[in-house]
Amino acid sequence: MKRAAALILIAMLGGTATGCAPAIKNHGYAPDDALLADITVGEDTRSSVQRKIGRPGMNGIFNDTGWYYVASTVRHYTYHAPKVIDRRIVAVEFTPDEVVSAVNTYGIEDGRVIDLQTRTTPTYGRKLTILQQLLGNLTAVSAEELINQ
């Protein structure tokens, strides 16, 4: 009986430990180096690149001079924000006559962090603490309101 209880306890602890393991998720597609070796700069065209490695998830934003393949590995751990632990970007650039001009590969170490909240609009006025706000609501009733009631 004690052995069964010990086994159940060990199983529960093992289940709890595996429940806390991070979930790893892969997003997107970026061809590996073996597939990229088949692409010849100055010789391959858009259609041959599409046959060899497939159509990308993104094109150039302002002009269609490049194809971009993006793959990310994201770790999700309990209540923490998801964290990108690996990213691979393959950029295939084309000339105006649709011939490959360059094939570049970038990793997460090539990126840079951009702070999107640097230009916040200041809010003018007094900054009140929670206690000041609570007491301010109690004393917000004017004398006229008390007399008229």
N, C-alpha and C. Protein backbone atom coordinates (compact mmCIF):
# COMPACT_ATOMS: atom_id res chain seq x y z
N MET A 1 0.82 -1.19 0.00
CA MET A 1 0.00 0.00 0.00
C MET A 1 0.87 1.26 0.00
N LYS A 2 1.94 1.22 0.83
CA LYS A 2 2.83 2.37 0.89
C LYS A 2 3.58 2.53 -0.43
N ARG A 3 3.90 1.42 -1.04
CA ARG A 3 4.62 1.47 -2.32
C ARG A 3 3.73 2.09 -3.40
N ALA A 4 2.45 1.75 -3.43
CA ALA A 4 1.51 2.32 -4.41
C ALA A 4 1.37 3.82 -4.20
N ALA A 5 1.30 4.25 -2.93
CA ALA A 5 1.19 5.68 -2.64
C ALA A 5 2.46 6.41 -3.07
N ALA A 6 3.61 5.78 -2.88
CA ALA A 6 4.87 6.39 -3.29
C ALA A 6 4.94 6.51 -4.81
N LEU A 7 4.48 5.48 -5.52
CA LEU A 7 4.48 5.52 -6.98
C LEU A 7 3.54 6.61 -7.50
N ILE A 8 2.39 6.74 -6.87
CA ILE A 8 1.44 7.78 -7.27
C ILE A 8 2.04 9.16 -7.02
N LEU A 9 2.72 9.34 -5.89
CA LEU A 9 3.35 10.61 -5.58
C LEU A 9 4.46 10.93 -6.59
N ILE A 10 5.25 9.94 -6.94
CA ILE A 10 6.32 10.15 -7.92
C ILE A 10 5.73 10.50 -9.28
N ALA A 11 4.64 9.83 -9.67
CA ALA A 11 3.98 10.11 -10.95
C ALA A 11 3.42 11.53 -10.97
N MET A 12 2.84 11.96 -9.85
CA MET A 12 2.28 13.32 -9.77
C MET A 12 3.39 14.37 -9.85
N LEU A 13 4.49 14.13 -9.16
CA LEU A 13 5.61 15.07 -9.21
C LEU A 13 6.22 15.12 -10.61
N GLY A 14 6.32 13.95 -11.25
CA GLY A 14 6.84 13.92 -12.62
C GLY A 14 5.92 14.65 -13.59
N GLY A 15 4.61 14.49 -13.42
CA GLY A 15 3.65 15.20 -14.26
C GLY A 15 3.70 16.70 -14.04
N THR A 16 3.90 17.11 -12.79
CA THR A 16 4.02 18.53 -12.48
C THR A 16 5.28 19.12 -13.11
N ALA A 17 6.37 18.38 -13.04
CA ALA A 17 7.64 18.87 -13.60
C ALA A 17 7.55 19.01 -15.12
N THR A 18 6.91 18.05 -15.78
CA THR A 18 6.80 18.15 -17.23
C THR A 18 5.79 19.21 -17.63
N GLY A 19 4.83 19.51 -16.79
CA GLY A 19 3.86 20.56 -17.07
C GLY A 19 4.50 21.94 -17.07
N CYS A 20 5.63 22.09 -16.42
CA CYS A 20 6.33 23.37 -16.36
C CYS A 20 7.39 23.52 -17.45
N ALA A 21 7.53 22.53 -18.29
CA ALA A 21 8.54 22.62 -19.35
C ALA A 21 8.09 23.63 -20.40
N PRO A 22 9.03 24.37 -20.96
CA PRO A 22 8.65 25.36 -21.96
C PRO A 22 8.16 24.69 -23.25
N ALA A 23 7.22 25.36 -23.91
CA ALA A 23 6.72 24.89 -25.20
C ALA A 23 7.50 25.61 -26.30
N ILE A 24 8.08 24.87 -27.20
CA ILE A 24 8.86 25.44 -28.30
C ILE A 24 8.00 25.36 -29.56
N LYS A 25 7.80 26.51 -30.22
CA LYS A 25 6.98 26.56 -31.43
C LYS A 25 7.79 27.17 -32.57
N ASN A 26 7.66 26.57 -33.74
CA ASN A 26 8.33 27.07 -34.94
C ASN A 26 7.32 27.77 -35.83
N HIS A 27 7.71 28.92 -36.35
CA HIS A 27 6.84 29.71 -37.22
C HIS A 27 7.59 30.03 -38.51
N GLY A 28 6.90 29.96 -39.63
CA GLY A 28 7.48 30.36 -40.89
C GLY A 28 8.35 29.29 -41.53
N TYR A 29 8.99 29.71 -42.64
CA TYR A 29 9.84 28.78 -43.39
C TYR A 29 11.02 29.55 -43.95
N ALA A 30 12.20 29.02 -43.72
CA ALA A 30 13.43 29.53 -44.35
C ALA A 30 14.21 28.32 -44.83
N PRO A 31 14.55 28.26 -46.11
CA PRO A 31 15.27 27.09 -46.63
C PRO A 31 16.65 26.95 -45.99
N ASP A 32 17.10 25.72 -45.85
CA ASP A 32 18.41 25.48 -45.24
C ASP A 32 19.52 25.70 -46.28
N ASP A 33 20.75 25.63 -45.81
CA ASP A 33 21.90 25.92 -46.66
C ASP A 33 22.05 24.95 -47.83
N ALA A 34 21.62 23.71 -47.65
CA ALA A 34 21.72 22.72 -48.72
C ALA A 34 20.84 23.12 -49.91
N LEU A 35 19.64 23.62 -49.63
CA LEU A 35 18.76 24.07 -50.71
C LEU A 35 19.27 25.36 -51.34
N LEU A 36 19.83 26.24 -50.52
CA LEU A 36 20.34 27.51 -51.05
C LEU A 36 21.56 27.30 -51.94
N ALA A 37 22.28 26.21 -51.73
CA ALA A 37 23.46 25.93 -52.55
C ALA A 37 23.08 25.66 -54.00
N ASP A 38 21.81 25.27 -54.24
CA ASP A 38 21.35 25.01 -55.60
C ASP A 38 21.05 26.28 -56.39
N ILE A 39 20.98 27.42 -55.71
CA ILE A 39 20.66 28.68 -56.38
C ILE A 39 21.96 29.34 -56.83
N THR A 40 22.04 29.67 -58.12
CA THR A 40 23.23 30.29 -58.68
C THR A 40 22.95 31.76 -59.00
N VAL A 41 23.73 32.64 -58.39
CA VAL A 41 23.59 34.08 -58.63
C VAL A 41 23.96 34.38 -60.07
N GLY A 42 23.11 35.19 -60.73
CA GLY A 42 23.35 35.57 -62.12
C GLY A 42 22.81 34.57 -63.12
N GLU A 43 22.32 33.43 -62.65
CA GLU A 43 21.84 32.40 -63.56
C GLU A 43 20.38 32.04 -63.31
N ASP A 44 20.02 31.85 -62.04
CA ASP A 44 18.64 31.47 -61.71
C ASP A 44 17.71 32.67 -61.83
N THR A 45 16.43 32.38 -62.11
CA THR A 45 15.39 33.40 -62.22
C THR A 45 14.36 33.18 -61.11
N ARG A 46 13.35 34.07 -61.08
CA ARG A 46 12.28 33.92 -60.08
C ARG A 46 11.62 32.55 -60.20
N SER A 47 11.32 32.14 -61.40
CA SER A 47 10.61 30.87 -61.57
C SER A 47 11.48 29.68 -61.16
N SER A 48 12.78 29.73 -61.43
CA SER A 48 13.63 28.61 -61.02
C SER A 48 13.82 28.59 -59.50
N VAL A 49 13.88 29.77 -58.88
CA VAL A 49 13.97 29.83 -57.41
C VAL A 49 12.70 29.27 -56.80
N GLN A 50 11.56 29.61 -57.39
CA GLN A 50 10.29 29.09 -56.88
C GLN A 50 10.24 27.58 -57.00
N ARG A 51 10.75 27.03 -58.07
CA ARG A 51 10.78 25.57 -58.22
C ARG A 51 11.72 24.91 -57.22
N LYS A 52 12.85 25.56 -56.94
CA LYS A 52 13.88 24.95 -56.08
C LYS A 52 13.57 25.06 -54.59
N ILE A 53 13.11 26.23 -54.15
CA ILE A 53 12.90 26.40 -52.69
C ILE A 53 11.50 26.87 -52.33
N GLY A 54 10.64 27.12 -53.31
CA GLY A 54 9.27 27.52 -53.02
C GLY A 54 9.09 29.03 -52.99
N ARG A 55 7.84 29.44 -52.99
CA ARG A 55 7.50 30.86 -52.96
C ARG A 55 7.61 31.35 -51.53
N PRO A 56 8.07 32.59 -51.33
CA PRO A 56 8.28 33.09 -49.97
C PRO A 56 6.99 33.59 -49.32
N GLY A 57 7.12 33.85 -48.02
CA GLY A 57 6.01 34.43 -47.28
C GLY A 57 5.92 35.93 -47.47
N MET A 58 7.01 36.57 -47.91
CA MET A 58 7.03 38.03 -48.07
C MET A 58 7.76 38.43 -49.34
N ASN A 59 7.30 39.53 -49.90
CA ASN A 59 7.98 40.18 -51.02
C ASN A 59 8.55 41.49 -50.51
N GLY A 60 9.25 42.22 -51.37
CA GLY A 60 9.70 43.55 -51.01
C GLY A 60 8.51 44.45 -50.72
N ILE A 61 8.64 45.34 -49.77
CA ILE A 61 7.51 46.19 -49.36
C ILE A 61 7.26 47.30 -50.37
N PHE A 62 8.29 48.04 -50.73
CA PHE A 62 8.11 49.18 -51.61
C PHE A 62 8.25 48.82 -53.08
N ASN A 63 9.08 47.86 -53.38
CA ASN A 63 9.20 47.35 -54.74
C ASN A 63 9.48 45.85 -54.63
N ASP A 64 9.21 45.16 -55.68
CA ASP A 64 9.31 43.71 -55.65
C ASP A 64 10.68 43.24 -56.15
N THR A 65 11.74 43.72 -55.50
CA THR A 65 13.09 43.35 -55.92
C THR A 65 13.64 42.19 -55.12
N GLY A 66 12.90 41.69 -54.15
CA GLY A 66 13.42 40.60 -53.34
C GLY A 66 12.33 39.73 -52.75
N TRP A 67 12.73 38.51 -52.43
CA TRP A 67 11.87 37.58 -51.72
C TRP A 67 12.51 37.30 -50.37
N TYR A 68 11.67 37.22 -49.33
CA TYR A 68 12.17 37.04 -47.97
C TYR A 68 11.50 35.83 -47.34
N TYR A 69 12.33 34.91 -46.88
CA TYR A 69 11.87 33.72 -46.18
C TYR A 69 12.25 33.90 -44.72
N VAL A 70 11.26 33.84 -43.83
CA VAL A 70 11.50 34.10 -42.41
C VAL A 70 11.01 32.91 -41.58
N ALA A 71 11.89 32.40 -40.72
CA ALA A 71 11.53 31.32 -39.80
C ALA A 71 11.97 31.73 -38.39
N SER A 72 11.09 31.51 -37.41
CA SER A 72 11.38 31.86 -36.03
C SER A 72 11.08 30.68 -35.13
N THR A 73 11.87 30.55 -34.07
CA THR A 73 11.61 29.58 -33.02
C THR A 73 11.31 30.37 -31.75
N VAL A 74 10.13 30.12 -31.18
CA VAL A 74 9.65 30.89 -30.03
C VAL A 74 9.46 29.96 -28.85
N ARG A 75 9.94 30.40 -27.68
CA ARG A 75 9.76 29.62 -26.45
C ARG A 75 8.65 30.27 -25.63
N HIS A 76 7.64 29.48 -25.30
CA HIS A 76 6.53 29.90 -24.44
C HIS A 76 6.73 29.19 -23.10
N TYR A 77 6.86 29.95 -22.03
CA TYR A 77 7.08 29.36 -20.71
C TYR A 77 6.10 29.95 -19.71
N THR A 78 5.20 29.16 -19.25
CA THR A 78 4.15 29.49 -18.27
C THR A 78 3.54 30.85 -18.56
N TYR A 79 3.55 31.75 -17.60
CA TYR A 79 2.90 33.04 -17.75
C TYR A 79 3.84 34.12 -18.29
N HIS A 80 5.07 33.77 -18.59
CA HIS A 80 6.03 34.73 -19.13
C HIS A 80 5.69 35.07 -20.58
N ALA A 81 6.14 36.23 -21.03
CA ALA A 81 5.94 36.62 -22.42
C ALA A 81 6.74 35.66 -23.32
N PRO A 82 6.21 35.34 -24.50
CA PRO A 82 6.96 34.48 -25.41
C PRO A 82 8.28 35.13 -25.79
N LYS A 83 9.32 34.31 -25.96
CA LYS A 83 10.64 34.83 -26.29
C LYS A 83 11.15 34.15 -27.57
N VAL A 84 11.58 34.98 -28.53
CA VAL A 84 12.15 34.46 -29.76
C VAL A 84 13.57 34.00 -29.44
N ILE A 85 13.84 32.70 -29.61
CA ILE A 85 15.16 32.18 -29.28
C ILE A 85 16.01 31.94 -30.52
N ASP A 86 15.38 31.92 -31.69
CA ASP A 86 16.14 31.76 -32.93
C ASP A 86 15.33 32.34 -34.08
N ARG A 87 16.02 32.98 -35.00
CA ARG A 87 15.37 33.52 -36.19
C ARG A 87 16.32 33.38 -37.36
N ARG A 88 15.78 32.98 -38.49
CA ARG A 88 16.58 32.83 -39.71
C ARG A 88 15.83 33.53 -40.84
N ILE A 89 16.52 34.43 -41.51
CA ILE A 89 15.94 35.17 -42.63
C ILE A 89 16.82 34.93 -43.85
N VAL A 90 16.19 34.52 -44.94
CA VAL A 90 16.89 34.34 -46.21
C VAL A 90 16.32 35.37 -47.17
N ALA A 91 17.19 36.23 -47.69
CA ALA A 91 16.78 37.27 -48.63
C ALA A 91 17.36 36.94 -50.00
N VAL A 92 16.47 36.74 -50.96
CA VAL A 92 16.88 36.49 -52.34
C VAL A 92 16.54 37.75 -53.13
N GLU A 93 17.56 38.41 -53.66
CA GLU A 93 17.36 39.66 -54.40
C GLU A 93 17.43 39.40 -55.89
N PHE A 94 16.62 40.17 -56.64
CA PHE A 94 16.53 40.00 -58.09
C PHE A 94 16.86 41.31 -58.80
N THR A 95 17.37 41.18 -60.02
CA THR A 95 17.60 42.34 -60.88
C THR A 95 16.26 42.70 -61.53
N PRO A 96 16.18 43.85 -62.20
CA PRO A 96 14.93 44.20 -62.88
C PRO A 96 14.48 43.17 -63.93
N ASP A 97 15.41 42.42 -64.51
CA ASP A 97 15.02 41.40 -65.48
C ASP A 97 14.83 40.03 -64.82
N GLU A 98 14.59 40.02 -63.49
CA GLU A 98 14.20 38.85 -62.69
C GLU A 98 15.26 37.76 -62.60
N VAL A 99 16.52 38.13 -62.59
CA VAL A 99 17.62 37.18 -62.39
C VAL A 99 18.15 37.40 -60.97
N VAL A 100 18.52 36.32 -60.30
CA VAL A 100 19.02 36.41 -58.92
C VAL A 100 20.30 37.23 -58.88
N SER A 101 20.31 38.28 -58.03
CA SER A 101 21.51 39.11 -57.89
C SER A 101 22.25 38.83 -56.59
N ALA A 102 21.56 38.30 -55.57
CA ALA A 102 22.21 38.00 -54.29
C ALA A 102 21.32 37.07 -53.46
N VAL A 103 21.97 36.25 -52.65
CA VAL A 103 21.28 35.40 -51.69
C VAL A 103 21.97 35.63 -50.35
N ASN A 104 21.25 36.23 -49.42
CA ASN A 104 21.83 36.56 -48.10
C ASN A 104 21.05 35.84 -47.01
N THR A 105 21.77 35.40 -45.99
CA THR A 105 21.16 34.74 -44.84
C THR A 105 21.49 35.54 -43.59
N TYR A 106 20.47 35.79 -42.77
CA TYR A 106 20.64 36.55 -41.54
C TYR A 106 20.10 35.72 -40.37
N GLY A 107 20.71 35.91 -39.21
CA GLY A 107 20.26 35.22 -38.00
C GLY A 107 19.79 36.22 -36.97
N ILE A 108 19.41 35.72 -35.82
CA ILE A 108 18.91 36.59 -34.75
C ILE A 108 20.01 37.54 -34.27
N GLU A 109 21.27 37.12 -34.38
CA GLU A 109 22.39 37.96 -33.95
C GLU A 109 22.59 39.15 -34.87
N ASP A 110 22.03 39.12 -36.08
CA ASP A 110 22.15 40.23 -37.02
C ASP A 110 21.09 41.30 -36.80
N GLY A 111 20.09 40.98 -36.02
CA GLY A 111 19.01 41.94 -35.79
C GLY A 111 19.36 42.94 -34.71
N ARG A 112 18.49 43.90 -34.54
CA ARG A 112 18.66 44.86 -33.46
C ARG A 112 17.31 45.16 -32.85
N VAL A 113 17.31 45.48 -31.58
CA VAL A 113 16.08 45.74 -30.85
C VAL A 113 15.67 47.18 -31.11
N ILE A 114 14.41 47.36 -31.45
CA ILE A 114 13.87 48.69 -31.70
C ILE A 114 12.84 48.98 -30.63
N ASP A 115 13.04 50.08 -29.91
CA ASP A 115 12.11 50.49 -28.87
C ASP A 115 10.97 51.26 -29.53
N LEU A 116 9.77 50.68 -29.52
CA LEU A 116 8.65 51.30 -30.21
C LEU A 116 7.94 52.35 -29.35
N GLN A 117 8.35 52.55 -28.11
CA GLN A 117 7.66 53.48 -27.23
C GLN A 117 8.52 54.68 -26.87
N THR A 118 9.46 55.05 -27.70
CA THR A 118 10.33 56.17 -27.35
C THR A 118 9.64 57.51 -27.53
N ARG A 119 8.65 57.58 -28.39
CA ARG A 119 7.98 58.85 -28.63
C ARG A 119 6.59 58.82 -28.01
N THR A 120 6.51 58.92 -26.70
CA THR A 120 5.22 58.94 -26.03
C THR A 120 4.79 60.38 -25.82
N THR A 121 3.50 60.59 -25.85
CA THR A 121 2.96 61.92 -25.65
C THR A 121 2.85 62.18 -24.16
N PRO A 122 3.44 63.28 -23.67
CA PRO A 122 3.36 63.56 -22.23
C PRO A 122 1.94 63.97 -21.84
N THR A 123 1.54 63.57 -20.66
CA THR A 123 0.24 63.96 -20.12
C THR A 123 0.47 65.01 -19.05
N TYR A 124 -0.15 66.14 -19.24
CA TYR A 124 0.05 67.24 -18.29
C TYR A 124 -1.00 67.17 -17.20
N GLY A 125 -0.69 67.75 -16.08
CA GLY A 125 -1.58 67.72 -14.94
C GLY A 125 -0.86 67.12 -13.75
N ARG A 126 -1.58 67.00 -12.65
CA ARG A 126 -0.98 66.46 -11.44
C ARG A 126 -1.02 64.95 -11.46
N LYS A 127 0.03 64.37 -10.92
CA LYS A 127 0.06 62.92 -10.74
C LYS A 127 -0.31 62.65 -9.29
N LEU A 128 -1.39 61.93 -9.10
CA LEU A 128 -1.88 61.65 -7.76
C LEU A 128 -1.59 60.21 -7.37
N THR A 129 -1.34 60.02 -6.10
CA THR A 129 -1.19 58.66 -5.60
C THR A 129 -2.58 58.06 -5.41
N ILE A 130 -2.62 56.77 -5.14
CA ILE A 130 -3.92 56.11 -4.92
C ILE A 130 -4.63 56.71 -3.71
N LEU A 131 -3.88 56.97 -2.65
CA LEU A 131 -4.47 57.54 -1.44
C LEU A 131 -5.04 58.93 -1.71
N GLN A 132 -4.32 59.75 -2.48
CA GLN A 132 -4.82 61.08 -2.84
C GLN A 132 -6.08 60.98 -3.70
N GLN A 133 -6.14 60.01 -4.57
CA GLN A 133 -7.33 59.85 -5.40
C GLN A 133 -8.54 59.44 -4.56
N LEU A 134 -8.33 58.52 -3.62
CA LEU A 134 -9.43 58.07 -2.76
C LEU A 134 -9.93 59.20 -1.87
N LEU A 135 -8.99 59.90 -1.24
CA LEU A 135 -9.40 61.01 -0.38
C LEU A 135 -9.96 62.16 -1.19
N GLY A 136 -9.48 62.35 -2.38
CA GLY A 136 -10.00 63.41 -3.24
C GLY A 136 -11.45 63.15 -3.61
N ASN A 137 -11.82 61.88 -3.80
CA ASN A 137 -13.21 61.56 -4.10
C ASN A 137 -14.11 61.81 -2.91
N LEU A 138 -13.60 61.61 -1.70
CA LEU A 138 -14.41 61.85 -0.50
C LEU A 138 -14.63 63.34 -0.27
N THR A 139 -13.65 64.14 -0.57
CA THR A 139 -13.76 65.58 -0.33
C THR A 139 -14.22 66.33 -1.56
N ALA A 140 -14.59 65.63 -2.63
CA ALA A 140 -15.01 66.29 -3.87
C ALA A 140 -16.42 66.85 -3.76
N VAL A 141 -17.15 66.46 -2.75
CA VAL A 141 -18.52 66.96 -2.58
C VAL A 141 -18.43 68.39 -2.06
N SER A 142 -19.07 69.30 -2.76
CA SER A 142 -19.00 70.71 -2.36
C SER A 142 -20.02 71.00 -1.27
N ALA A 143 -19.85 72.11 -0.63
CA ALA A 143 -20.75 72.51 0.46
C ALA A 143 -22.16 72.75 -0.08
N GLU A 144 -22.30 73.30 -1.28
CA GLU A 144 -23.60 73.53 -1.86
C GLU A 144 -24.37 72.25 -2.05
N GLU A 145 -23.71 71.19 -2.45
CA GLU A 145 -24.37 69.91 -2.64
C GLU A 145 -24.88 69.36 -1.32
N LEU A 146 -24.10 69.57 -0.25
CA LEU A 146 -24.54 69.10 1.07
C LEU A 146 -25.76 69.87 1.56
N ILE A 147 -25.81 71.20 1.31
CA ILE A 147 -26.91 72.04 1.78
C ILE A 147 -28.19 71.71 0.99
N ASN A 148 -28.04 71.49 -0.32
CA ASN A 148 -29.21 71.24 -1.16
C ASN A 148 -29.82 69.86 -0.94
N GLN A 149 -29.12 68.95 -0.27
CA GLN A 149 -29.68 67.61 -0.06
C GLN A 149 -30.56 67.58 1.09
